[in-house]
Amino acid sequence: MASNKPVEITLRRTTEVDLPLLHSFERDALSNELAGTKPRDWPTFRARWAEILADPDGIVTKVTPRVILADGIAVGAVNVAPDGEHDSIGYWIGREHWGRGIATRAVALLLSEFLRRPLFATAAGHNHPSIRVLEKNQFVILSRSLTPETARTAQRETVTLVLR
């Protein structure tokens, strides 16, 4: 029988130990379809994370990486990273944990830690759950545009949101 007890959501700094799990989340086909992204192979994923983890205070990379814990279990990641001239928040939740309010609460926790504004976010135009997570955290839609395919994303409508 499922418990009605609320899930306790906490964040902690991402570590080397988290990388295989985070990579497995990123490789999920349905997650990538919803996000309009393409998974990175392990060497590419690992190389990027080596840069981030070698800079624990985000001085060089400007990344604020956090693992999302639900009742103490790692279920995803939420990060702030530079995107062009501004900061952007992004998150990824393991599919088996979707629909539990985890992303909404994890984004709120990181927003209480990372106070620089404006803060931007993007989502695939068809990813209504992700857009809703951001809107629940006071982000507003700034624009919608067709973005070309890249090594990391499929061609898609991209919604850009901002928190001022």
C-alpha atoms as a PDB file:
ATOM      1  CA  MET A   1       0.000   0.000   0.000  1.00  0.00           C
ATOM      2  CA  ALA A   2       1.386   3.410  -0.989  1.00  0.00           C
ATOM      3  CA  SER A   3       2.049   5.892   1.766  1.00  0.00           C
ATOM      4  CA  ASN A   4       0.494   9.357   1.738  1.00  0.00           C
ATOM      5  CA  LYS A   5       3.547  10.632   3.603  1.00  0.00           C
ATOM      6  CA  PRO A   6       5.190  13.527   1.733  1.00  0.00           C
ATOM      7  CA  VAL A   7       8.549  12.793   0.155  1.00  0.00           C
ATOM      8  CA  GLU A   8      11.430  14.679   1.799  1.00  0.00           C
ATOM      9  CA  ILE A   9      13.451  16.446  -0.914  1.00  0.00           C
ATOM     10  CA  THR A  10      16.998  17.616  -0.243  1.00  0.00           C
ATOM     11  CA  LEU A  11      19.944  18.647  -2.387  1.00  0.00           C
ATOM     12  CA  ARG A  12      23.628  17.921  -2.008  1.00  0.00           C
ATOM     13  CA  ARG A  13      26.724  18.692  -4.028  1.00  0.00           C
ATOM     14  CA  THR A  14      27.275  16.279  -6.929  1.00  0.00           C
ATOM     15  CA  THR A  15      30.235  13.905  -6.498  1.00  0.00           C
ATOM     16  CA  GLU A  16      32.120  11.416  -8.632  1.00  0.00           C
ATOM     17  CA  VAL A  17      30.085   8.578  -7.099  1.00  0.00           C
ATOM     18  CA  ASP A  18      26.875  10.048  -8.576  1.00  0.00           C
ATOM     19  CA  LEU A  19      28.028  10.048 -12.189  1.00  0.00           C
ATOM     20  CA  PRO A  20      27.043   6.497 -13.253  1.00  0.00           C
ATOM     21  CA  LEU A  21      23.503   6.999 -11.920  1.00  0.00           C
ATOM     22  CA  LEU A  22      23.152  10.453 -13.487  1.00  0.00           C
ATOM     23  CA  HIS A  23      24.429   9.077 -16.796  1.00  0.00           C
ATOM     24  CA  SER A  24      21.863   6.252 -16.641  1.00  0.00           C
ATOM     25  CA  PHE A  25      19.099   8.844 -16.181  1.00  0.00           C
ATOM     26  CA  GLU A  26      20.423  10.806 -19.169  1.00  0.00           C
ATOM     27  CA  ARG A  27      20.424   7.698 -21.377  1.00  0.00           C
ATOM     28  CA  ASP A  28      16.710   6.959 -20.887  1.00  0.00           C
ATOM     29  CA  ALA A  29      15.052   7.103 -24.336  1.00  0.00           C
ATOM     30  CA  LEU A  30      11.644   8.388 -23.158  1.00  0.00           C
ATOM     31  CA  SER A  31      13.295  11.096 -21.055  1.00  0.00           C
ATOM     32  CA  ASN A  32      15.314  12.256 -24.059  1.00  0.00           C
ATOM     33  CA  GLU A  33      12.235  12.247 -26.276  1.00  0.00           C
ATOM     34  CA  LEU A  34      10.358  14.416 -23.801  1.00  0.00           C
ATOM     35  CA  ALA A  35      13.298  16.780 -23.315  1.00  0.00           C
ATOM     36  CA  GLY A  36      14.200  16.895 -27.014  1.00  0.00           C
ATOM     37  CA  THR A  37      17.755  15.918 -26.161  1.00  0.00           C
ATOM     38  CA  LYS A  38      20.298  13.322 -27.170  1.00  0.00           C
ATOM     39  CA  PRO A  39      22.212  11.332 -24.571  1.00  0.00           C
ATOM     40  CA  ARG A  40      25.956  11.732 -24.378  1.00  0.00           C
ATOM     41  CA  ASP A  41      28.203   8.696 -24.462  1.00  0.00           C
ATOM     42  CA  TRP A  42      30.066   7.890 -21.239  1.00  0.00           C
ATOM     43  CA  PRO A  43      33.436   9.438 -22.266  1.00  0.00           C
ATOM     44  CA  THR A  44      31.771  12.735 -23.274  1.00  0.00           C
ATOM     45  CA  PHE A  45      29.571  12.787 -20.164  1.00  0.00           C
ATOM     46  CA  ARG A  46      32.508  11.892 -17.913  1.00  0.00           C
ATOM     47  CA  ALA A  47      34.819  14.508 -19.453  1.00  0.00           C
ATOM     48  CA  ARG A  48      32.305  17.317 -18.870  1.00  0.00           C
ATOM     49  CA  TRP A  49      31.711  16.230 -15.299  1.00  0.00           C
ATOM     50  CA  ALA A  50      35.468  15.956 -14.655  1.00  0.00           C
ATOM     51  CA  GLU A  51      35.709  19.694 -15.446  1.00  0.00           C
ATOM     52  CA  ILE A  52      32.795  20.530 -13.154  1.00  0.00           C
ATOM     53  CA  LEU A  53      33.951  18.360 -10.249  1.00  0.00           C
ATOM     54  CA  ALA A  54      37.522  19.706 -10.496  1.00  0.00           C
ATOM     55  CA  ASP A  55      36.047  23.168  -9.795  1.00  0.00           C
ATOM     56  CA  PRO A  56      34.016  22.571  -6.599  1.00  0.00           C
ATOM     57  CA  ASP A  57      33.291  26.264  -6.006  1.00  0.00           C
ATOM     58  CA  GLY A  58      32.278  26.937  -9.618  1.00  0.00           C
ATOM     59  CA  ILE A  59      34.973  29.596 -10.042  1.00  0.00           C
ATOM     60  CA  VAL A  60      35.951  28.528 -13.572  1.00  0.00           C
ATOM     61  CA  THR A  61      32.966  26.512 -14.819  1.00  0.00           C
ATOM     62  CA  LYS A  62      30.342  28.720 -13.127  1.00  0.00           C
ATOM     63  CA  VAL A  63      28.283  25.556 -12.522  1.00  0.00           C
ATOM     64  CA  THR A  64      26.299  24.909  -9.342  1.00  0.00           C
ATOM     65  CA  PRO A  65      25.737  21.119  -9.472  1.00  0.00           C
ATOM     66  CA  ARG A  66      23.360  19.372  -7.091  1.00  0.00           C
ATOM     67  CA  VAL A  67      22.008  15.848  -6.757  1.00  0.00           C
ATOM     68  CA  ILE A  68      18.333  15.584  -5.833  1.00  0.00           C
ATOM     69  CA  LEU A  69      17.567  13.232  -2.949  1.00  0.00           C
ATOM     70  CA  ALA A  70      14.051  11.947  -2.276  1.00  0.00           C
ATOM     71  CA  ASP A  71      13.898  10.401   1.192  1.00  0.00           C
ATOM     72  CA  GLY A  72      17.698  10.117   1.016  1.00  0.00           C
ATOM     73  CA  ILE A  73      17.788   8.320  -2.370  1.00  0.00           C
ATOM     74  CA  ALA A  74      19.410  10.002  -5.409  1.00  0.00           C
ATOM     75  CA  VAL A  75      16.662  10.516  -8.005  1.00  0.00           C
ATOM     76  CA  GLY A  76      18.030  13.226 -10.273  1.00  0.00           C
ATOM     77  CA  ALA A  77      20.062  16.391 -10.617  1.00  0.00           C
ATOM     78  CA  VAL A  78      19.464  20.126 -10.712  1.00  0.00           C
ATOM     79  CA  ASN A  79      22.134  22.574 -11.808  1.00  0.00           C
ATOM     80  CA  VAL A  80      22.725  26.199 -12.634  1.00  0.00           C
ATOM     81  CA  ALA A  81      25.225  26.746 -15.441  1.00  0.00           C
ATOM     82  CA  PRO A  82      26.178  29.544 -17.812  1.00  0.00           C
ATOM     83  CA  ASP A  83      24.265  29.628 -21.081  1.00  0.00           C
ATOM     84  CA  GLY A  84      25.712  32.311 -23.284  1.00  0.00           C
ATOM     85  CA  GLU A  85      25.562  35.603 -21.399  1.00  0.00           C
ATOM     86  CA  HIS A  86      23.311  34.456 -18.564  1.00  0.00           C
ATOM     87  CA  ASP A  87      22.753  31.726 -15.990  1.00  0.00           C
ATOM     88  CA  SER A  88      20.355  28.901 -16.731  1.00  0.00           C
ATOM     89  CA  ILE A  89      18.813  26.247 -14.502  1.00  0.00           C
ATOM     90  CA  GLY A  90      18.259  22.696 -15.664  1.00  0.00           C
ATOM     91  CA  TYR A  91      17.205  19.442 -14.072  1.00  0.00           C
ATOM     92  CA  TRP A  92      16.785  15.773 -14.849  1.00  0.00           C
ATOM     93  CA  ILE A  93      14.701  13.327 -12.845  1.00  0.00           C
ATOM     94  CA  GLY A  94      14.848   9.559 -13.222  1.00  0.00           C
ATOM     95  CA  ARG A  95      11.674   8.519 -15.037  1.00  0.00           C
ATOM     96  CA  GLU A  96      10.528   6.221 -12.241  1.00  0.00           C
ATOM     97  CA  HIS A  97      10.268   9.334 -10.026  1.00  0.00           C
ATOM     98  CA  TRP A  98       8.190  11.519 -12.365  1.00  0.00           C
ATOM     99  CA  GLY A  99       4.850  12.891 -11.194  1.00  0.00           C
ATOM    100  CA  ARG A 100       5.748  13.078  -7.499  1.00  0.00           C
ATOM    101  CA  GLY A 101       6.462  16.834  -7.281  1.00  0.00           C
ATOM    102  CA  ILE A 102      10.176  16.181  -6.874  1.00  0.00           C
ATOM    103  CA  ALA A 103      11.354  18.473  -9.692  1.00  0.00           C
ATOM    104  CA  THR A 104       9.205  21.375  -8.496  1.00  0.00           C
ATOM    105  CA  ARG A 105      10.563  21.144  -4.960  1.00  0.00           C
ATOM    106  CA  ALA A 106      14.162  20.564  -6.073  1.00  0.00           C
ATOM    107  CA  VAL A 107      14.077  23.655  -8.302  1.00  0.00           C
ATOM    108  CA  ALA A 108      12.654  25.680  -5.384  1.00  0.00           C
ATOM    109  CA  LEU A 109      15.478  24.487  -3.130  1.00  0.00           C
ATOM    110  CA  LEU A 110      18.162  25.469  -5.617  1.00  0.00           C
ATOM    111  CA  LEU A 111      16.480  28.839  -6.188  1.00  0.00           C
ATOM    112  CA  SER A 112      16.723  29.525  -2.445  1.00  0.00           C
ATOM    113  CA  GLU A 113      20.469  28.792  -2.635  1.00  0.00           C
ATOM    114  CA  PHE A 114      21.292  30.446  -5.979  1.00  0.00           C
ATOM    115  CA  LEU A 115      20.024  34.012  -5.678  1.00  0.00           C
ATOM    116  CA  ARG A 116      21.466  35.728  -8.777  1.00  0.00           C
ATOM    117  CA  ARG A 117      18.758  36.987 -11.130  1.00  0.00           C
ATOM    118  CA  PRO A 118      17.663  36.976 -13.816  1.00  0.00           C
ATOM    119  CA  LEU A 119      17.827  33.217 -14.154  1.00  0.00           C
ATOM    120  CA  PHE A 120      16.795  31.529 -17.376  1.00  0.00           C
ATOM    121  CA  ALA A 121      15.567  28.043 -18.298  1.00  0.00           C
ATOM    122  CA  THR A 122      14.676  26.296 -21.524  1.00  0.00           C
ATOM    123  CA  ALA A 123      12.386  23.375 -22.240  1.00  0.00           C
ATOM    124  CA  ALA A 124      11.193  21.586 -25.337  1.00  0.00           C
ATOM    125  CA  GLY A 125       7.884  23.131 -26.382  1.00  0.00           C
ATOM    126  CA  HIS A 126       6.109  19.767 -26.051  1.00  0.00           C
ATOM    127  CA  ASN A 127       7.528  19.164 -22.547  1.00  0.00           C
ATOM    128  CA  HIS A 128       4.518  20.583 -20.710  1.00  0.00           C
ATOM    129  CA  PRO A 129       5.425  18.974 -17.344  1.00  0.00           C
ATOM    130  CA  SER A 130       8.824  20.703 -17.327  1.00  0.00           C
ATOM    131  CA  ILE A 131       7.333  24.048 -18.312  1.00  0.00           C
ATOM    132  CA  ARG A 132       4.824  23.645 -15.482  1.00  0.00           C
ATOM    133  CA  VAL A 133       7.608  22.908 -12.960  1.00  0.00           C
ATOM    134  CA  LEU A 134       9.268  26.177 -13.919  1.00  0.00           C
ATOM    135  CA  GLU A 135       6.027  28.181 -13.861  1.00  0.00           C
ATOM    136  CA  LYS A 136       5.266  26.838 -10.366  1.00  0.00           C
ATOM    137  CA  ASN A 137       8.616  28.341  -9.382  1.00  0.00           C
ATOM    138  CA  GLN A 138       7.643  31.784 -10.763  1.00  0.00           C
ATOM    139  CA  PHE A 139       9.428  31.517 -14.130  1.00  0.00           C
ATOM    140  CA  VAL A 140       7.532  33.187 -16.961  1.00  0.00           C
ATOM    141  CA  ILE A 141       7.668  32.349 -20.651  1.00  0.00           C
ATOM    142  CA  LEU A 142       9.848  34.804 -22.502  1.00  0.00           C
ATOM    143  CA  SER A 143       9.796  33.281 -25.989  1.00  0.00           C
ATOM    144  CA  ARG A 144       9.190  30.264 -28.184  1.00  0.00           C
ATOM    145  CA  SER A 145      11.442  29.521 -31.129  1.00  0.00           C
ATOM    146  CA  LEU A 146      12.486  26.733 -33.438  1.00  0.00           C
ATOM    147  CA  THR A 147      16.015  25.678 -32.547  1.00  0.00           C
ATOM    148  CA  PRO A 148      18.238  23.697 -34.885  1.00  0.00           C
ATOM    149  CA  GLU A 149      19.592  20.267 -34.157  1.00  0.00           C
ATOM    150  CA  THR A 150      22.884  20.178 -32.261  1.00  0.00           C
ATOM    151  CA  ALA A 151      25.093  17.437 -30.911  1.00  0.00           C
ATOM    152  CA  ARG A 152      23.054  17.570 -27.683  1.00  0.00           C
ATOM    153  CA  THR A 153      19.524  18.504 -28.839  1.00  0.00           C
ATOM    154  CA  ALA A 154      17.051  17.525 -31.516  1.00  0.00           C
ATOM    155  CA  GLN A 155      15.524  20.209 -33.736  1.00  0.00           C
ATOM    156  CA  ARG A 156      12.582  21.384 -31.699  1.00  0.00           C
ATOM    157  CA  GLU A 157      10.459  24.223 -30.514  1.00  0.00           C
ATOM    158  CA  THR A 158      12.237  25.625 -27.484  1.00  0.00           C
ATOM    159  CA  VAL A 159      10.486  27.595 -24.785  1.00  0.00           C
ATOM    160  CA  THR A 160      12.702  30.090 -22.955  1.00  0.00           C
ATOM    161  CA  LEU A 161      11.600  31.137 -19.497  1.00  0.00           C
ATOM    162  CA  VAL A 162      12.984  33.702 -17.060  1.00  0.00           C
ATOM    163  CA  LEU A 163      12.856  34.342 -13.341  1.00  0.00           C
ATOM    164  CA  ARG A 164      13.537  37.974 -12.500  1.00  0.00           C
END
